[in-house]
Amino acid sequence: MKLLLLGAHGFIGRHTAVALASLGHEVTRADITPSDDPGYLTIDAHNPDFAALFQRHSFDVCINCSGAASVPQSFADPAHDFTLNTLRVVQILEALRVAGGKTRLLHLSSAAVYGNPVTNPICEDDAPRPVSPYGWHKLHAEQICREYSNLHGVGTLSLRIFSAFGPGLRKQLFWDIFQKARRGQRVDLSGTGEETRDFIFVEDIAACIGLLIRDCHFDGRAVNVASGEAVTVRTAATALLAALRWDRELVFSGDKRLGDPSFWRADISSIRNLGFRPAHTLEHGLEKVAQWMLQS
C-alpha cells in the first residue's frame, strides 16, 4: 500500500515508519522539520496546506502521528494544544473530503479520553471522562473523525494509545526516573506508586498499526491499543532501575499530578480478535530502553 505518515519525526512516528516499510509498504514520511531525505515531505507548521498535499499525491492510508503529547502543556496553553490535536485533524479530514479520493485516515488518539474510568479494564464503549485539555481535545478529534466517516464517506479509525514507552522517548515517567536517578541516590516521584498504567512498547504499537491497516474496518470507530496488563507505577519504576543496574531509593510524594489518571487497564479484545499479541513484556522493553538511555 501507499502510505503517508504525518509526524514522522515523532516518537511513535519514527518507529512506525520503519515497521511499515519493513512490511513492504511504500511509506512517504512528512513532518514540520525540514529534511532532504528522499520520500519526505515538509509540512508548514503554522499554515499546513493539506488540500494541496492530497491533490498532488495519492495514498491508500494517511497515518496521523502528529500533534501535541503533553498533558501539563495542555493546561499551560490549551489553545495551542487544541490547534495541534483537534484543528489539524479537522484540516486533514476536510482536505481528504475535498480531494474526493479513497484515502483513509488512521488517527492516533489517546487513552486520555477515558480520564479516570469507573471500571477496569476499560472498553471502547465506556463513557469518556477526560480530566485534561489534552484528553478533551483528543476526544473532540475522535468525534470529528466519526463525523467525517459517517457523513462524508472518509474512512477513519482512531487508536486510543495507552502508556507508550521505548527507546527515543525523552519525556514522561521513565525518562523522568532516569534523569533523577543519574543525579543521585534518591528518586522523588509524584503519586503513591500504587497507580496503575497499561504500558505498551512502541514496536508493538507499530506492529498493531500495520495489522489494523490491513484488517480493520475504517468506519469511524476507536480501538484500544495497549498490552491489556495493569502495572503499578512503583513496579514499573523498580523494573527500569533493575534494567539500568542502578540501586536507588524510590520516594513517592503522595501528591497527584494535575490531569493524571489513577488506574488504567485496557480491554484489548478488538485488536486481539484481529490476531494482535504484544511481542514485548514490560521487562523486555525496559531492557531496550535502559540500553538506549545509557548510550544517550
C-alpha atoms as a PDB file:
ATOM      1  CA  MET A   1       0.000   0.000   0.000  1.00  0.00           C
ATOM      2  CA  LYS A   2       0.948   3.632  -0.469  1.00  0.00           C
ATOM      3  CA  LEU A   3       1.034   5.265   2.949  1.00  0.00           C
ATOM      4  CA  LEU A   4       1.525   8.835   4.165  1.00  0.00           C
ATOM      5  CA  LEU A   5       2.856   9.131   7.709  1.00  0.00           C
ATOM      6  CA  LEU A   6       2.372  12.545   9.311  1.00  0.00           C
ATOM      7  CA  GLY A   7       4.561  13.225  12.337  1.00  0.00           C
ATOM      8  CA  ALA A   8       7.362  11.023  11.033  1.00  0.00           C
ATOM      9  CA  HIS A   9       9.965  12.619  13.316  1.00  0.00           C
ATOM     10  CA  GLY A  10       7.941  11.945  16.460  1.00  0.00           C
ATOM     11  CA  PHE A  11       8.481   9.060  18.863  1.00  0.00           C
ATOM     12  CA  ILE A  12       5.769   6.737  17.552  1.00  0.00           C
ATOM     13  CA  GLY A  13       6.070   8.058  14.002  1.00  0.00           C
ATOM     14  CA  ARG A  14       9.752   7.133  13.645  1.00  0.00           C
ATOM     15  CA  HIS A  15       9.226   3.553  14.786  1.00  0.00           C
ATOM     16  CA  THR A  16       6.058   3.151  12.730  1.00  0.00           C
ATOM     17  CA  ALA A  17       7.697   4.333   9.504  1.00  0.00           C
ATOM     18  CA  VAL A  18      10.432   1.712   9.870  1.00  0.00           C
ATOM     19  CA  ALA A  19       7.980  -1.065  10.735  1.00  0.00           C
ATOM     20  CA  LEU A  20       5.617  -0.339   7.839  1.00  0.00           C
ATOM     21  CA  ALA A  21       8.451  -0.109   5.323  1.00  0.00           C
ATOM     22  CA  SER A  22       9.718  -3.496   6.521  1.00  0.00           C
ATOM     23  CA  LEU A  23       6.279  -4.930   5.706  1.00  0.00           C
ATOM     24  CA  GLY A  24       6.699  -3.843   2.092  1.00  0.00           C
ATOM     25  CA  HIS A  25       4.535  -0.715   2.145  1.00  0.00           C
ATOM     26  CA  GLU A  26       5.546   2.409   0.234  1.00  0.00           C
ATOM     27  CA  VAL A  27       5.861   4.947   3.050  1.00  0.00           C
ATOM     28  CA  THR A  28       6.015   8.690   2.440  1.00  0.00           C
ATOM     29  CA  ARG A  29       7.117  10.469   5.601  1.00  0.00           C
ATOM     30  CA  ALA A  30       6.047  14.027   6.460  1.00  0.00           C
ATOM     31  CA  ASP A  31       6.689  16.409   9.331  1.00  0.00           C
ATOM     32  CA  ILE A  32       7.344  20.066  10.137  1.00  0.00           C
ATOM     33  CA  THR A  33      11.117  19.543  10.382  1.00  0.00           C
ATOM     34  CA  PRO A  34      12.857  20.132   7.011  1.00  0.00           C
ATOM     35  CA  SER A  35      14.719  17.179   5.536  1.00  0.00           C
ATOM     36  CA  ASP A  36      16.472  16.363   2.267  1.00  0.00           C
ATOM     37  CA  ASP A  37      15.692  12.664   2.587  1.00  0.00           C
ATOM     38  CA  PRO A  38      14.002  11.157  -0.462  1.00  0.00           C
ATOM     39  CA  GLY A  39      10.372  10.282   0.090  1.00  0.00           C
ATOM     40  CA  TYR A  40       9.935  13.047   2.674  1.00  0.00           C
ATOM     41  CA  LEU A  41       7.508  15.980   2.618  1.00  0.00           C
ATOM     42  CA  THR A  42       7.907  19.122   4.749  1.00  0.00           C
ATOM     43  CA  ILE A  43       4.718  20.472   6.319  1.00  0.00           C
ATOM     44  CA  ASP A  44       4.315  24.154   7.201  1.00  0.00           C
ATOM     45  CA  ALA A  45       3.924  24.169  10.985  1.00  0.00           C
ATOM     46  CA  HIS A  46       1.795  27.341  11.046  1.00  0.00           C
ATOM     47  CA  ASN A  47      -0.235  27.012   7.840  1.00  0.00           C
ATOM     48  CA  PRO A  48      -0.249  23.417   6.602  1.00  0.00           C
ATOM     49  CA  ASP A  49      -1.713  23.017   3.125  1.00  0.00           C
ATOM     50  CA  PHE A  50      -3.208  19.555   3.388  1.00  0.00           C
ATOM     51  CA  ALA A  51      -5.531  20.246   0.453  1.00  0.00           C
ATOM     52  CA  ALA A  52      -2.618  20.726  -1.947  1.00  0.00           C
ATOM     53  CA  LEU A  53      -0.867  17.705  -0.476  1.00  0.00           C
ATOM     54  CA  PHE A  54      -3.752  15.337  -1.186  1.00  0.00           C
ATOM     55  CA  GLN A  55      -4.384  16.859  -4.613  1.00  0.00           C
ATOM     56  CA  ARG A  56      -0.769  16.240  -5.665  1.00  0.00           C
ATOM     57  CA  HIS A  57      -0.355  12.805  -4.130  1.00  0.00           C
ATOM     58  CA  SER A  58      -2.483   9.687  -3.906  1.00  0.00           C
ATOM     59  CA  PHE A  59      -2.330   7.436  -0.832  1.00  0.00           C
ATOM     60  CA  ASP A  60      -4.252   4.440   0.403  1.00  0.00           C
ATOM     61  CA  VAL A  61      -3.943   5.457   4.055  1.00  0.00           C
ATOM     62  CA  CYS A  62      -2.838   8.613   5.866  1.00  0.00           C
ATOM     63  CA  ILE A  63      -1.449   7.798   9.320  1.00  0.00           C
ATOM     64  CA  ASN A  64      -1.611  10.794  11.633  1.00  0.00           C
ATOM     65  CA  CYS A  65       1.088  10.507  14.297  1.00  0.00           C
ATOM     66  CA  SER A  66       1.370  14.284  14.608  1.00  0.00           C
ATOM     67  CA  GLY A  67       0.104  16.558  17.375  1.00  0.00           C
ATOM     68  CA  ALA A  68       0.996  17.680  20.877  1.00  0.00           C
ATOM     69  CA  ALA A  69       1.595  14.995  23.502  1.00  0.00           C
ATOM     70  CA  SER A  70       1.936  16.711  26.861  1.00  0.00           C
ATOM     71  CA  VAL A  71      -0.797  16.830  29.491  1.00  0.00           C
ATOM     72  CA  PRO A  72       0.981  19.540  31.564  1.00  0.00           C
ATOM     73  CA  GLN A  73       1.474  21.710  28.475  1.00  0.00           C
ATOM     74  CA  SER A  74      -2.194  21.336  27.578  1.00  0.00           C
ATOM     75  CA  PHE A  75      -3.043  23.022  30.893  1.00  0.00           C
ATOM     76  CA  ALA A  76      -0.435  25.749  30.332  1.00  0.00           C
ATOM     77  CA  ASP A  77      -1.572  26.513  26.759  1.00  0.00           C
ATOM     78  CA  PRO A  78      -4.892  24.821  25.948  1.00  0.00           C
ATOM     79  CA  ALA A  79      -5.412  26.839  22.762  1.00  0.00           C
ATOM     80  CA  HIS A  80      -2.145  25.573  21.291  1.00  0.00           C
ATOM     81  CA  ASP A  81      -2.996  22.008  22.291  1.00  0.00           C
ATOM     82  CA  PHE A  82      -6.410  22.378  20.614  1.00  0.00           C
ATOM     83  CA  THR A  83      -4.767  23.630  17.427  1.00  0.00           C
ATOM     84  CA  LEU A  84      -2.414  20.678  17.165  1.00  0.00           C
ATOM     85  CA  ASN A  85      -4.714  17.919  18.416  1.00  0.00           C
ATOM     86  CA  THR A  86      -8.128  18.948  17.100  1.00  0.00           C
ATOM     87  CA  LEU A  87      -7.967  21.703  14.476  1.00  0.00           C
ATOM     88  CA  ARG A  88      -5.210  19.988  12.478  1.00  0.00           C
ATOM     89  CA  VAL A  89      -7.301  16.796  12.357  1.00  0.00           C
ATOM     90  CA  VAL A  90     -10.268  18.782  11.007  1.00  0.00           C
ATOM     91  CA  GLN A  91      -7.998  20.262   8.336  1.00  0.00           C
ATOM     92  CA  ILE A  92      -6.696  16.836   7.333  1.00  0.00           C
ATOM     93  CA  LEU A  93     -10.209  15.381   7.131  1.00  0.00           C
ATOM     94  CA  GLU A  94     -11.566  18.303   5.121  1.00  0.00           C
ATOM     95  CA  ALA A  95      -8.658  18.021   2.681  1.00  0.00           C
ATOM     96  CA  LEU A  96      -9.396  14.314   2.262  1.00  0.00           C
ATOM     97  CA  ARG A  97     -13.084  15.053   1.686  1.00  0.00           C
ATOM     98  CA  VAL A  98     -12.401  17.726  -0.918  1.00  0.00           C
ATOM     99  CA  ALA A  99      -9.806  15.565  -2.692  1.00  0.00           C
ATOM    100  CA  GLY A 100     -12.581  13.019  -3.188  1.00  0.00           C
ATOM    101  CA  GLY A 101     -10.287  10.039  -3.242  1.00  0.00           C
ATOM    102  CA  LYS A 102     -10.334   6.860  -1.227  1.00  0.00           C
ATOM    103  CA  THR A 103      -7.558   7.779   1.196  1.00  0.00           C
ATOM    104  CA  ARG A 104      -8.415   6.523   4.665  1.00  0.00           C
ATOM    105  CA  LEU A 105      -7.244   8.191   7.892  1.00  0.00           C
ATOM    106  CA  LEU A 106      -5.724   6.276  10.786  1.00  0.00           C
ATOM    107  CA  HIS A 107      -5.542   8.780  13.622  1.00  0.00           C
ATOM    108  CA  LEU A 108      -3.525   8.333  16.811  1.00  0.00           C
ATOM    109  CA  SER A 109      -5.733   9.289  19.728  1.00  0.00           C
ATOM    110  CA  SER A 110      -5.037   8.608  23.396  1.00  0.00           C
ATOM    111  CA  ALA A 111      -6.343   6.740  26.419  1.00  0.00           C
ATOM    112  CA  ALA A 112      -6.522  10.224  27.982  1.00  0.00           C
ATOM    113  CA  VAL A 113     -10.058  10.378  26.569  1.00  0.00           C
ATOM    114  CA  TYR A 114     -11.065   7.955  29.368  1.00  0.00           C
ATOM    115  CA  GLY A 115      -9.727  10.087  32.213  1.00  0.00           C
ATOM    116  CA  ASN A 116     -10.460   8.244  35.458  1.00  0.00           C
ATOM    117  CA  PRO A 117     -12.618   5.281  34.417  1.00  0.00           C
ATOM    118  CA  VAL A 118     -15.286   3.884  36.719  1.00  0.00           C
ATOM    119  CA  THR A 119     -14.338   0.273  35.950  1.00  0.00           C
ATOM    120  CA  ASN A 120     -11.300  -1.606  34.678  1.00  0.00           C
ATOM    121  CA  PRO A 121     -10.461  -2.985  32.184  1.00  0.00           C
ATOM    122  CA  ILE A 122     -11.595  -0.052  30.047  1.00  0.00           C
ATOM    123  CA  CYS A 123     -13.694  -0.911  26.989  1.00  0.00           C
ATOM    124  CA  GLU A 124     -14.080   1.286  23.923  1.00  0.00           C
ATOM    125  CA  ASP A 125     -17.793   1.620  24.706  1.00  0.00           C
ATOM    126  CA  ASP A 126     -17.153   3.060  28.182  1.00  0.00           C
ATOM    127  CA  ALA A 127     -18.111   6.705  28.602  1.00  0.00           C
ATOM    128  CA  PRO A 128     -15.194   9.119  28.069  1.00  0.00           C
ATOM    129  CA  ARG A 129     -14.272  11.173  31.150  1.00  0.00           C
ATOM    130  CA  PRO A 130     -11.307  13.402  30.187  1.00  0.00           C
ATOM    131  CA  VAL A 131      -9.523  15.152  33.061  1.00  0.00           C
ATOM    132  CA  SER A 132      -7.186  17.351  30.989  1.00  0.00           C
ATOM    133  CA  PRO A 133      -7.415  19.681  27.992  1.00  0.00           C
ATOM    134  CA  TYR A 134      -5.267  17.132  26.130  1.00  0.00           C
ATOM    135  CA  GLY A 135      -7.843  14.407  26.787  1.00  0.00           C
ATOM    136  CA  TRP A 136     -10.736  16.636  25.731  1.00  0.00           C
ATOM    137  CA  HIS A 137      -9.004  17.671  22.517  1.00  0.00           C
ATOM    138  CA  LYS A 138      -8.205  14.071  21.615  1.00  0.00           C
ATOM    139  CA  LEU A 139     -11.852  13.190  22.228  1.00  0.00           C
ATOM    140  CA  HIS A 140     -13.022  16.072  20.026  1.00  0.00           C
ATOM    141  CA  ALA A 141     -10.757  14.818  17.240  1.00  0.00           C
ATOM    142  CA  GLU A 142     -12.198  11.308  17.547  1.00  0.00           C
ATOM    143  CA  GLN A 143     -15.725  12.670  17.298  1.00  0.00           C
ATOM    144  CA  ILE A 144     -14.838  14.648  14.179  1.00  0.00           C
ATOM    145  CA  CYS A 145     -13.249  11.560  12.644  1.00  0.00           C
ATOM    146  CA  ARG A 146     -16.515   9.727  13.261  1.00  0.00           C
ATOM    147  CA  GLU A 147     -18.466  12.622  11.723  1.00  0.00           C
ATOM    148  CA  TYR A 148     -16.433  12.579   8.512  1.00  0.00           C
ATOM    149  CA  SER A 149     -16.682   8.812   8.311  1.00  0.00           C
ATOM    150  CA  ASN A 150     -20.443   8.697   8.837  1.00  0.00           C
ATOM    151  CA  LEU A 151     -21.461  11.795   6.882  1.00  0.00           C
ATOM    152  CA  HIS A 152     -18.791  12.371   4.260  1.00  0.00           C
ATOM    153  CA  GLY A 153     -17.511   8.912   3.384  1.00  0.00           C
ATOM    154  CA  VAL A 154     -13.945   9.444   4.609  1.00  0.00           C
ATOM    155  CA  GLY A 155     -12.869   6.152   6.187  1.00  0.00           C
ATOM    156  CA  THR A 156     -11.386   6.779   9.631  1.00  0.00           C
ATOM    157  CA  LEU A 157     -10.021   4.766  12.531  1.00  0.00           C
ATOM    158  CA  SER A 158      -8.880   6.244  15.871  1.00  0.00           C
ATOM    159  CA  LEU A 159      -6.314   4.463  18.036  1.00  0.00           C
ATOM    160  CA  ARG A 160      -6.526   5.041  21.778  1.00  0.00           C
ATOM    161  CA  ILE A 161      -2.876   4.548  22.706  1.00  0.00           C
ATOM    162  CA  PHE A 162      -2.258   3.776  26.374  1.00  0.00           C
ATOM    163  CA  SER A 163       1.141   4.242  28.105  1.00  0.00           C
ATOM    164  CA  ALA A 164       3.617   4.060  25.242  1.00  0.00           C
ATOM    165  CA  PHE A 165       7.307   3.595  26.020  1.00  0.00           C
ATOM    166  CA  GLY A 166      10.503   2.711  24.218  1.00  0.00           C
ATOM    167  CA  PRO A 167      13.917   3.968  23.080  1.00  0.00           C
ATOM    168  CA  GLY A 168      13.903   7.587  21.988  1.00  0.00           C
ATOM    169  CA  LEU A 169      11.181   8.896  24.324  1.00  0.00           C
ATOM    170  CA  ARG A 170      12.770  11.793  26.206  1.00  0.00           C
ATOM    171  CA  LYS A 171       9.811  12.613  28.458  1.00  0.00           C
ATOM    172  CA  GLN A 172       7.222  11.020  30.725  1.00  0.00           C
ATOM    173  CA  LEU A 173       7.727   8.524  33.546  1.00  0.00           C
ATOM    174  CA  PHE A 174      10.785   6.504  32.530  1.00  0.00           C
ATOM    175  CA  TRP A 175      12.801   9.466  31.252  1.00  0.00           C
ATOM    176  CA  ASP A 176      11.963  11.373  34.449  1.00  0.00           C
ATOM    177  CA  ILE A 177      13.188   8.452  36.574  1.00  0.00           C
ATOM    178  CA  PHE A 178      16.380   8.151  34.524  1.00  0.00           C
ATOM    179  CA  GLN A 179      17.203  11.851  34.841  1.00  0.00           C
ATOM    180  CA  LYS A 180      16.678  11.840  38.613  1.00  0.00           C
ATOM    181  CA  ALA A 181      18.475   8.534  39.160  1.00  0.00           C
ATOM    182  CA  ARG A 182      21.579   9.668  37.310  1.00  0.00           C
ATOM    183  CA  ARG A 183      21.847  12.714  39.609  1.00  0.00           C
ATOM    184  CA  GLY A 184      21.611  10.974  42.962  1.00  0.00           C
ATOM    185  CA  GLN A 185      20.604   8.052  45.127  1.00  0.00           C
ATOM    186  CA  ARG A 186      17.031   9.253  45.703  1.00  0.00           C
ATOM    187  CA  VAL A 187      14.306   9.361  43.044  1.00  0.00           C
ATOM    188  CA  ASP A 188      11.334  11.544  44.010  1.00  0.00           C
ATOM    189  CA  LEU A 189       8.088  10.870  42.140  1.00  0.00           C
ATOM    190  CA  SER A 190       4.511  12.124  42.449  1.00  0.00           C
ATOM    191  CA  GLY A 191       1.608   9.918  43.465  1.00  0.00           C
ATOM    192  CA  THR A 192       1.606   6.915  45.779  1.00  0.00           C
ATOM    193  CA  GLY A 193       3.262   4.453  43.434  1.00  0.00           C
ATOM    194  CA  GLU A 194       0.152   2.260  43.501  1.00  0.00           C
ATOM    195  CA  GLU A 195      -1.426   3.950  40.489  1.00  0.00           C
ATOM    196  CA  THR A 196      -1.629   1.572  37.524  1.00  0.00           C
ATOM    197  CA  ARG A 197      -0.738   2.026  33.871  1.00  0.00           C
ATOM    198  CA  ASP A 198      -1.125  -0.206  30.835  1.00  0.00           C
ATOM    199  CA  PHE A 199       2.314   0.007  29.219  1.00  0.00           C
ATOM    200  CA  ILE A 200       2.858  -0.891  25.578  1.00  0.00           C
ATOM    201  CA  PHE A 201       6.224  -0.964  23.839  1.00  0.00           C
ATOM    202  CA  VAL A 202       6.498   1.311  20.815  1.00  0.00           C
ATOM    203  CA  GLU A 203       7.453  -1.511  18.434  1.00  0.00           C
ATOM    204  CA  ASP A 204       4.250  -3.299  19.429  1.00  0.00           C
ATOM    205  CA  ILE A 205       2.274  -0.140  18.651  1.00  0.00           C
ATOM    206  CA  ALA A 206       3.889  -0.012  15.208  1.00  0.00           C
ATOM    207  CA  ALA A 207       3.099  -3.691  14.601  1.00  0.00           C
ATOM    208  CA  CYS A 208      -0.503  -3.109  15.669  1.00  0.00           C
ATOM    209  CA  ILE A 209      -0.815  -0.204  13.230  1.00  0.00           C
ATOM    210  CA  GLY A 210       0.341  -2.478  10.416  1.00  0.00           C
ATOM    211  CA  LEU A 211      -2.251  -5.065  11.415  1.00  0.00           C
ATOM    212  CA  LEU A 212      -5.078  -2.533  11.640  1.00  0.00           C
ATOM    213  CA  ILE A 213      -4.268  -1.035   8.238  1.00  0.00           C
ATOM    214  CA  ARG A 214      -4.561  -4.492   6.739  1.00  0.00           C
ATOM    215  CA  ASP A 215      -7.540  -5.943   8.590  1.00  0.00           C
ATOM    216  CA  CYS A 216      -9.668  -3.349  10.440  1.00  0.00           C
ATOM    217  CA  HIS A 217     -12.769  -1.558   9.150  1.00  0.00           C
ATOM    218  CA  PHE A 218     -12.280   2.207   8.845  1.00  0.00           C
ATOM    219  CA  ASP A 219     -15.819   3.067   9.870  1.00  0.00           C
ATOM    220  CA  GLY A 220     -15.203   5.842  12.402  1.00  0.00           C
ATOM    221  CA  ARG A 221     -14.595   3.503  15.323  1.00  0.00           C
ATOM    222  CA  ALA A 222     -11.997   3.908  18.074  1.00  0.00           C
ATOM    223  CA  VAL A 223      -9.909   0.970  19.301  1.00  0.00           C
ATOM    224  CA  ASN A 224      -7.714   0.475  22.355  1.00  0.00           C
ATOM    225  CA  VAL A 225      -4.020  -0.155  21.714  1.00  0.00           C
ATOM    226  CA  ALA A 226      -2.300  -1.494  24.835  1.00  0.00           C
ATOM    227  CA  SER A 227      -0.897  -4.648  26.391  1.00  0.00           C
ATOM    228  CA  GLY A 228      -4.023  -5.399  28.406  1.00  0.00           C
ATOM    229  CA  GLU A 229      -1.981  -5.621  31.635  1.00  0.00           C
ATOM    230  CA  ALA A 230      -2.153  -3.268  34.633  1.00  0.00           C
ATOM    231  CA  VAL A 231       1.225  -2.468  36.252  1.00  0.00           C
ATOM    232  CA  THR A 232       1.747  -0.189  39.231  1.00  0.00           C
ATOM    233  CA  VAL A 233       3.981   2.822  38.778  1.00  0.00           C
ATOM    234  CA  ARG A 234       6.158   1.530  41.623  1.00  0.00           C
ATOM    235  CA  THR A 235       6.641  -1.812  39.865  1.00  0.00           C
ATOM    236  CA  ALA A 236       7.458  -0.089  36.570  1.00  0.00           C
ATOM    237  CA  ALA A 237       9.938   2.291  38.204  1.00  0.00           C
ATOM    238  CA  THR A 238      11.632  -0.586  40.022  1.00  0.00           C
ATOM    239  CA  ALA A 239      11.859  -2.542  36.757  1.00  0.00           C
ATOM    240  CA  LEU A 240      13.594   0.356  34.996  1.00  0.00           C
ATOM    241  CA  LEU A 241      16.161   0.743  37.796  1.00  0.00           C
ATOM    242  CA  ALA A 242      16.800  -3.007  37.633  1.00  0.00           C
ATOM    243  CA  ALA A 243      17.334  -2.790  33.866  1.00  0.00           C
ATOM    244  CA  LEU A 244      19.767   0.102  34.414  1.00  0.00           C
ATOM    245  CA  ARG A 245      21.527  -1.961  37.120  1.00  0.00           C
ATOM    246  CA  TRP A 246      21.205   1.012  39.470  1.00  0.00           C
ATOM    247  CA  ASP A 247      20.371   0.831  43.169  1.00  0.00           C
ATOM    248  CA  ARG A 248      18.231   3.861  44.051  1.00  0.00           C
ATOM    249  CA  GLU A 249      15.607   4.777  46.655  1.00  0.00           C
ATOM    250  CA  LEU A 250      12.137   5.464  45.254  1.00  0.00           C
ATOM    251  CA  VAL A 251      10.180   8.097  47.209  1.00  0.00           C
ATOM    252  CA  PHE A 252       6.570   8.877  46.318  1.00  0.00           C
ATOM    253  CA  SER A 253       5.145  12.212  47.496  1.00  0.00           C
ATOM    254  CA  GLY A 254       1.514  11.122  47.588  1.00  0.00           C
ATOM    255  CA  ASP A 255       0.553  14.239  45.619  1.00  0.00           C
ATOM    256  CA  LYS A 256      -1.467  13.637  42.477  1.00  0.00           C
ATOM    257  CA  ARG A 257      -0.286  15.463  39.385  1.00  0.00           C
ATOM    258  CA  LEU A 258      -2.918  17.517  37.568  1.00  0.00           C
ATOM    259  CA  GLY A 259      -4.511  15.553  34.738  1.00  0.00           C
ATOM    260  CA  ASP A 260      -3.100  12.145  35.713  1.00  0.00           C
ATOM    261  CA  PRO A 261      -5.468   9.161  35.915  1.00  0.00           C
ATOM    262  CA  SER A 262      -5.329   6.806  38.895  1.00  0.00           C
ATOM    263  CA  PHE A 263      -5.907   3.369  37.416  1.00  0.00           C
ATOM    264  CA  TRP A 264      -5.653   2.210  33.810  1.00  0.00           C
ATOM    265  CA  ARG A 265      -6.002  -1.176  32.219  1.00  0.00           C
ATOM    266  CA  ALA A 266      -7.324  -1.636  28.698  1.00  0.00           C
ATOM    267  CA  ASP A 267      -9.690  -4.200  27.296  1.00  0.00           C
ATOM    268  CA  ILE A 268      -7.882  -5.123  24.070  1.00  0.00           C
ATOM    269  CA  SER A 269     -10.419  -7.614  22.748  1.00  0.00           C
ATOM    270  CA  SER A 270     -10.794  -5.629  19.499  1.00  0.00           C
ATOM    271  CA  ILE A 271      -7.153  -5.983  18.478  1.00  0.00           C
ATOM    272  CA  ARG A 272      -6.802  -9.471  19.971  1.00  0.00           C
ATOM    273  CA  ASN A 273      -9.634 -10.618  17.718  1.00  0.00           C
ATOM    274  CA  LEU A 274      -7.543  -9.455  14.764  1.00  0.00           C
ATOM    275  CA  GLY A 275      -4.621 -11.543  15.986  1.00  0.00           C
ATOM    276  CA  PHE A 276      -2.585  -8.931  17.861  1.00  0.00           C
ATOM    277  CA  ARG A 277      -0.317 -10.140  20.643  1.00  0.00           C
ATOM    278  CA  PRO A 278       2.317  -7.848  22.218  1.00  0.00           C
ATOM    279  CA  ALA A 279       5.801  -9.163  21.492  1.00  0.00           C
ATOM    280  CA  HIS A 280       7.425  -7.359  24.417  1.00  0.00           C
ATOM    281  CA  THR A 281       6.869  -7.685  28.141  1.00  0.00           C
ATOM    282  CA  LEU A 282       7.467  -4.583  30.236  1.00  0.00           C
ATOM    283  CA  GLU A 283      10.777  -6.015  31.456  1.00  0.00           C
ATOM    284  CA  HIS A 284      11.958  -6.894  27.948  1.00  0.00           C
ATOM    285  CA  GLY A 285      11.049  -3.461  26.650  1.00  0.00           C
ATOM    286  CA  LEU A 286      12.764  -1.717  29.555  1.00  0.00           C
ATOM    287  CA  GLU A 287      15.982  -3.618  28.865  1.00  0.00           C
ATOM    288  CA  LYS A 288      15.988  -1.960  25.423  1.00  0.00           C
ATOM    289  CA  VAL A 289      15.091   1.388  26.949  1.00  0.00           C
ATOM    290  CA  ALA A 290      17.876   1.135  29.540  1.00  0.00           C
ATOM    291  CA  GLN A 291      20.436   0.243  26.871  1.00  0.00           C
ATOM    292  CA  TRP A 292      19.416   3.317  24.853  1.00  0.00           C
ATOM    293  CA  MET A 293      19.436   5.561  27.928  1.00  0.00           C
ATOM    294  CA  LEU A 294      22.931   4.525  28.964  1.00  0.00           C
ATOM    295  CA  GLN A 295      24.184   5.279  25.453  1.00  0.00           C
ATOM    296  CA  SER A 296      22.385   8.627  25.127  1.00  0.00           C
END
